[in-house]
């Protein structure tokens, strides 16, 4: 039997904090996914909230180099589509 309990909703405050975190983190340009996760952990920001904020801000996930290191990047303009 699997646990079908839904996770607790993310509060608006946590979502806003995660969005602020992402804006600040990505203000200087793309950041690798492992760096972003570590920065969120150190800042005490929940990854669930970061993922929701990432979706809301339309932050893109894309490969950075041939070694398949992925980065998170703010969209350049409206209409950019996020890849997950």
Foldseek 3Di string as FASTA:
>chain_A
DDDPDDDDDDDPVLLVVLLVLVCVVDVVHKDFPVVSVVSCVVVVRDVVSNVVSCVVQQWAWDADDPVRGIITHGDPDPPDHHDD
